[in-house]
């Protein structure tokens, strides 16, 4: 893998008692955030050949609105994942050059810190709909990525 884009799902409806968290959908604001992420990727000529996405409704919606050019692969392990879980998912994708992973916090933001800085504890800073674009010059590993771009959707 040469490039990895980590995309946190956009703003979602609050959870409801008795309703499965995976069923939460994007708010209208969240749909706008996801579209803005797609517009940013398109305007910067960012290409990718694989999308790995949590099977939760809010990540599916985010992927559809932001990344319409490639059909996602839904990976159960991305939902409620630790940075180690996400690393394991990515470690099986060595045949892809450019991957987008659409997931959830805190795993996504902690994975950024793990891949760029080699640590993942108590890292905060990935807003809903936010993206981190990482570039690798060698193998996937802790502290092996360069943070090329960090993008947040407009308010």
C-alpha atoms as a PDB file:
ATOM      1  CA  UNK A   1       0.000   0.000   0.000  1.00  0.00           C
ATOM      2  CA  UNK A   2       1.281   3.422  -0.950  1.00  0.00           C
ATOM      3  CA  UNK A   3      -1.571   5.655   0.233  1.00  0.00           C
ATOM      4  CA  UNK A   4      -4.290   5.359   2.884  1.00  0.00           C
ATOM      5  CA  UNK A   5      -7.203   7.689   3.447  1.00  0.00           C
ATOM      6  CA  UNK A   6      -8.932   7.315   6.786  1.00  0.00           C
ATOM      7  CA  UNK A   7     -12.430   8.808   6.692  1.00  0.00           C
ATOM      8  CA  UNK A   8     -14.536   9.097   9.812  1.00  0.00           C
ATOM      9  CA  UNK A   9     -18.257   8.822   9.168  1.00  0.00           C
ATOM     10  CA  UNK A  10     -20.053  12.152   8.995  1.00  0.00           C
ATOM     11  CA  UNK A  11     -22.427  13.480  11.670  1.00  0.00           C
ATOM     12  CA  UNK A  12     -25.015  10.875  12.632  1.00  0.00           C
ATOM     13  CA  UNK A  13     -28.308  10.887  14.476  1.00  0.00           C
ATOM     14  CA  UNK A  14     -27.989  10.392  18.231  1.00  0.00           C
ATOM     15  CA  UNK A  15     -28.425   6.867  19.544  1.00  0.00           C
ATOM     16  CA  UNK A  16     -31.846   5.784  20.795  1.00  0.00           C
ATOM     17  CA  UNK A  17     -32.592   3.403  23.625  1.00  0.00           C
ATOM     18  CA  UNK A  18     -33.395  -0.033  22.293  1.00  0.00           C
ATOM     19  CA  UNK A  19     -32.201   0.709  18.751  1.00  0.00           C
ATOM     20  CA  UNK A  20     -29.088  -0.973  17.361  1.00  0.00           C
ATOM     21  CA  UNK A  21     -26.247   1.557  17.123  1.00  0.00           C
ATOM     22  CA  UNK A  22     -25.402   0.224  13.653  1.00  0.00           C
ATOM     23  CA  UNK A  23     -28.745   1.555  12.368  1.00  0.00           C
ATOM     24  CA  UNK A  24     -27.981   5.225  13.080  1.00  0.00           C
ATOM     25  CA  UNK A  25     -28.194   7.311   9.890  1.00  0.00           C
ATOM     26  CA  UNK A  26     -26.554  10.567   8.906  1.00  0.00           C
ATOM     27  CA  UNK A  27     -28.193  13.872   9.725  1.00  0.00           C
ATOM     28  CA  UNK A  28     -28.747  16.388   6.919  1.00  0.00           C
ATOM     29  CA  UNK A  29     -25.626  18.174   8.164  1.00  0.00           C
ATOM     30  CA  UNK A  30     -23.785  14.851   8.012  1.00  0.00           C
ATOM     31  CA  UNK A  31     -24.875  14.247   4.424  1.00  0.00           C
ATOM     32  CA  UNK A  32     -23.481  17.685   3.553  1.00  0.00           C
ATOM     33  CA  UNK A  33     -20.208  16.810   5.333  1.00  0.00           C
ATOM     34  CA  UNK A  34     -19.897  13.569   3.352  1.00  0.00           C
ATOM     35  CA  UNK A  35     -20.580  15.371   0.060  1.00  0.00           C
ATOM     36  CA  UNK A  36     -17.964  17.995   0.983  1.00  0.00           C
ATOM     37  CA  UNK A  37     -15.412  15.226   1.633  1.00  0.00           C
ATOM     38  CA  UNK A  38     -16.126  13.797  -1.815  1.00  0.00           C
ATOM     39  CA  UNK A  39     -15.806  17.230  -3.412  1.00  0.00           C
ATOM     40  CA  UNK A  40     -12.452  17.751  -1.691  1.00  0.00           C
ATOM     41  CA  UNK A  41     -11.141  14.383  -2.893  1.00  0.00           C
ATOM     42  CA  UNK A  42     -12.326  15.074  -6.434  1.00  0.00           C
ATOM     43  CA  UNK A  43     -10.969  18.638  -6.572  1.00  0.00           C
ATOM     44  CA  UNK A  44      -7.552  17.383  -5.411  1.00  0.00           C
ATOM     45  CA  UNK A  45      -7.463  14.522  -7.900  1.00  0.00           C
ATOM     46  CA  UNK A  46      -7.243  11.882  -5.168  1.00  0.00           C
ATOM     47  CA  UNK A  47      -7.670   8.387  -6.598  1.00  0.00           C
ATOM     48  CA  UNK A  48      -8.168   5.105  -4.761  1.00  0.00           C
ATOM     49  CA  UNK A  49      -8.686   1.544  -5.857  1.00  0.00           C
ATOM     50  CA  UNK A  50     -10.303   0.030  -2.774  1.00  0.00           C
ATOM     51  CA  UNK A  51     -12.774   1.135  -0.118  1.00  0.00           C
ATOM     52  CA  UNK A  52     -13.052  -0.757   3.153  1.00  0.00           C
ATOM     53  CA  UNK A  53     -16.121   0.277   5.118  1.00  0.00           C
ATOM     54  CA  UNK A  54     -17.792  -0.538   8.404  1.00  0.00           C
ATOM     55  CA  UNK A  55     -21.239  -2.102   7.847  1.00  0.00           C
ATOM     56  CA  UNK A  56     -22.965   0.544  10.018  1.00  0.00           C
ATOM     57  CA  UNK A  57     -25.576   2.668   8.201  1.00  0.00           C
ATOM     58  CA  UNK A  58     -23.751   5.954   8.890  1.00  0.00           C
ATOM     59  CA  UNK A  59     -20.500   4.688   7.358  1.00  0.00           C
ATOM     60  CA  UNK A  60     -22.330   3.208   4.362  1.00  0.00           C
ATOM     61  CA  UNK A  61     -24.046   6.565   3.752  1.00  0.00           C
ATOM     62  CA  UNK A  62     -20.768   8.455   4.165  1.00  0.00           C
ATOM     63  CA  UNK A  63     -19.036   6.164   1.668  1.00  0.00           C
ATOM     64  CA  UNK A  64     -21.864   6.421  -0.863  1.00  0.00           C
ATOM     65  CA  UNK A  65     -21.947  10.233  -0.743  1.00  0.00           C
ATOM     66  CA  UNK A  66     -18.185  10.827  -0.617  1.00  0.00           C
ATOM     67  CA  UNK A  67     -16.726   7.916  -2.579  1.00  0.00           C
ATOM     68  CA  UNK A  68     -19.184   6.935  -5.264  1.00  0.00           C
ATOM     69  CA  UNK A  69     -16.567   5.845  -7.818  1.00  0.00           C
ATOM     70  CA  UNK A  70     -15.629   2.481  -6.248  1.00  0.00           C
ATOM     71  CA  UNK A  71     -17.944  -0.106  -4.637  1.00  0.00           C
ATOM     72  CA  UNK A  72     -17.035  -0.555  -0.940  1.00  0.00           C
ATOM     73  CA  UNK A  73     -16.143  -3.833   0.706  1.00  0.00           C
ATOM     74  CA  UNK A  74     -17.982  -4.021   4.014  1.00  0.00           C
ATOM     75  CA  UNK A  75     -15.761  -5.350   6.793  1.00  0.00           C
ATOM     76  CA  UNK A  76     -17.412  -6.250  10.107  1.00  0.00           C
ATOM     77  CA  UNK A  77     -14.129  -5.831  12.015  1.00  0.00           C
ATOM     78  CA  UNK A  78     -14.074  -2.079  11.279  1.00  0.00           C
ATOM     79  CA  UNK A  79     -17.157  -1.459  13.443  1.00  0.00           C
ATOM     80  CA  UNK A  80     -16.142  -0.705  17.062  1.00  0.00           C
ATOM     81  CA  UNK A  81     -12.496  -1.434  16.177  1.00  0.00           C
ATOM     82  CA  UNK A  82      -9.347  -0.687  18.105  1.00  0.00           C
ATOM     83  CA  UNK A  83      -6.315   0.657  16.234  1.00  0.00           C
ATOM     84  CA  UNK A  84      -4.914  -2.889  16.362  1.00  0.00           C
ATOM     85  CA  UNK A  85      -8.074  -4.309  14.768  1.00  0.00           C
ATOM     86  CA  UNK A  86      -7.894  -1.707  11.979  1.00  0.00           C
ATOM     87  CA  UNK A  87      -4.188  -2.378  11.468  1.00  0.00           C
ATOM     88  CA  UNK A  88      -4.945  -6.102  11.104  1.00  0.00           C
ATOM     89  CA  UNK A  89      -7.615  -5.349   8.482  1.00  0.00           C
ATOM     90  CA  UNK A  90      -5.179  -3.151   6.522  1.00  0.00           C
ATOM     91  CA  UNK A  91      -2.383  -5.684   6.842  1.00  0.00           C
ATOM     92  CA  UNK A  92      -4.414  -8.096   4.671  1.00  0.00           C
ATOM     93  CA  UNK A  93      -4.684  -5.517   1.851  1.00  0.00           C
ATOM     94  CA  UNK A  94      -1.087  -5.430   0.589  1.00  0.00           C
ATOM     95  CA  UNK A  95      -2.194  -5.937  -3.024  1.00  0.00           C
ATOM     96  CA  UNK A  96      -3.922  -2.499  -3.135  1.00  0.00           C
ATOM     97  CA  UNK A  97      -2.013   0.714  -3.846  1.00  0.00           C
ATOM     98  CA  UNK A  98      -4.536   3.250  -2.523  1.00  0.00           C
ATOM     99  CA  UNK A  99      -7.144   2.423   0.098  1.00  0.00           C
ATOM    100  CA  UNK A 100      -9.909   4.389   1.770  1.00  0.00           C
ATOM    101  CA  UNK A 101     -11.063   3.074   5.143  1.00  0.00           C
ATOM    102  CA  UNK A 102     -14.397   4.453   6.375  1.00  0.00           C
ATOM    103  CA  UNK A 103     -14.925   3.917  10.078  1.00  0.00           C
ATOM    104  CA  UNK A 104     -15.539   5.243  13.553  1.00  0.00           C
ATOM    105  CA  UNK A 105     -13.813   7.010  16.419  1.00  0.00           C
ATOM    106  CA  UNK A 106     -11.906   6.465  18.544  1.00  0.00           C
ATOM    107  CA  UNK A 107     -10.331   3.758  16.361  1.00  0.00           C
ATOM    108  CA  UNK A 108      -9.823   5.947  13.275  1.00  0.00           C
ATOM    109  CA  UNK A 109      -8.130   8.843  15.066  1.00  0.00           C
ATOM    110  CA  UNK A 110      -6.019   6.474  17.144  1.00  0.00           C
ATOM    111  CA  UNK A 111      -4.928   4.634  13.987  1.00  0.00           C
ATOM    112  CA  UNK A 112      -3.706   7.933  12.512  1.00  0.00           C
ATOM    113  CA  UNK A 113      -1.527   8.499  15.580  1.00  0.00           C
ATOM    114  CA  UNK A 114      -0.308   4.896  15.524  1.00  0.00           C
ATOM    115  CA  UNK A 115       0.703   4.938  11.858  1.00  0.00           C
ATOM    116  CA  UNK A 116       2.236   8.438  11.925  1.00  0.00           C
ATOM    117  CA  UNK A 117       3.685   8.686  15.442  1.00  0.00           C
ATOM    118  CA  UNK A 118       3.913   5.054  16.537  1.00  0.00           C
ATOM    119  CA  UNK A 119       1.491   5.551  19.448  1.00  0.00           C
ATOM    120  CA  UNK A 120      -2.276   5.475  19.805  1.00  0.00           C
ATOM    121  CA  UNK A 121      -3.201   6.353  23.364  1.00  0.00           C
ATOM    122  CA  UNK A 122      -5.568   9.222  24.108  1.00  0.00           C
ATOM    123  CA  UNK A 123      -5.344  10.813  20.678  1.00  0.00           C
ATOM    124  CA  UNK A 124      -8.253  13.119  19.839  1.00  0.00           C
ATOM    125  CA  UNK A 125      -8.923  15.276  16.867  1.00  0.00           C
ATOM    126  CA  UNK A 126     -10.822  13.504  14.065  1.00  0.00           C
ATOM    127  CA  UNK A 127     -14.174  15.306  13.670  1.00  0.00           C
ATOM    128  CA  UNK A 128     -17.212  13.723  12.006  1.00  0.00           C
ATOM    129  CA  UNK A 129     -16.558  13.629   8.266  1.00  0.00           C
ATOM    130  CA  UNK A 130     -12.842  14.307   8.804  1.00  0.00           C
ATOM    131  CA  UNK A 131     -10.137  12.681   6.699  1.00  0.00           C
ATOM    132  CA  UNK A 132      -6.477  11.881   7.136  1.00  0.00           C
ATOM    133  CA  UNK A 133      -4.456  11.125   4.006  1.00  0.00           C
ATOM    134  CA  UNK A 134      -1.373   9.051   4.815  1.00  0.00           C
ATOM    135  CA  UNK A 135       1.505   8.136   2.496  1.00  0.00           C
ATOM    136  CA  UNK A 136       3.848   5.184   3.000  1.00  0.00           C
ATOM    137  CA  UNK A 137       7.318   4.911   1.490  1.00  0.00           C
ATOM    138  CA  UNK A 138       7.822   1.422   2.889  1.00  0.00           C
ATOM    139  CA  UNK A 139       5.756  -1.195   4.618  1.00  0.00           C
ATOM    140  CA  UNK A 140       2.689  -0.615   6.750  1.00  0.00           C
ATOM    141  CA  UNK A 141       3.815  -0.215  10.350  1.00  0.00           C
ATOM    142  CA  UNK A 142       3.782   1.973  13.463  1.00  0.00           C
ATOM    143  CA  UNK A 143       5.327   5.364  12.789  1.00  0.00           C
ATOM    144  CA  UNK A 144       5.895   4.499   9.094  1.00  0.00           C
ATOM    145  CA  UNK A 145       3.367   6.890   7.534  1.00  0.00           C
ATOM    146  CA  UNK A 146       3.606  10.551   6.647  1.00  0.00           C
ATOM    147  CA  UNK A 147       0.485  12.638   7.237  1.00  0.00           C
ATOM    148  CA  UNK A 148       0.033  14.184   3.802  1.00  0.00           C
ATOM    149  CA  UNK A 149      -3.278  15.953   4.502  1.00  0.00           C
ATOM    150  CA  UNK A 150      -5.713  16.370   7.359  1.00  0.00           C
ATOM    151  CA  UNK A 151      -9.090  17.674   6.249  1.00  0.00           C
ATOM    152  CA  UNK A 152     -12.172  18.700   8.242  1.00  0.00           C
ATOM    153  CA  UNK A 153     -15.537  19.543   6.715  1.00  0.00           C
ATOM    154  CA  UNK A 154     -16.696  23.151   6.867  1.00  0.00           C
ATOM    155  CA  UNK A 155     -19.204  23.952   9.612  1.00  0.00           C
END
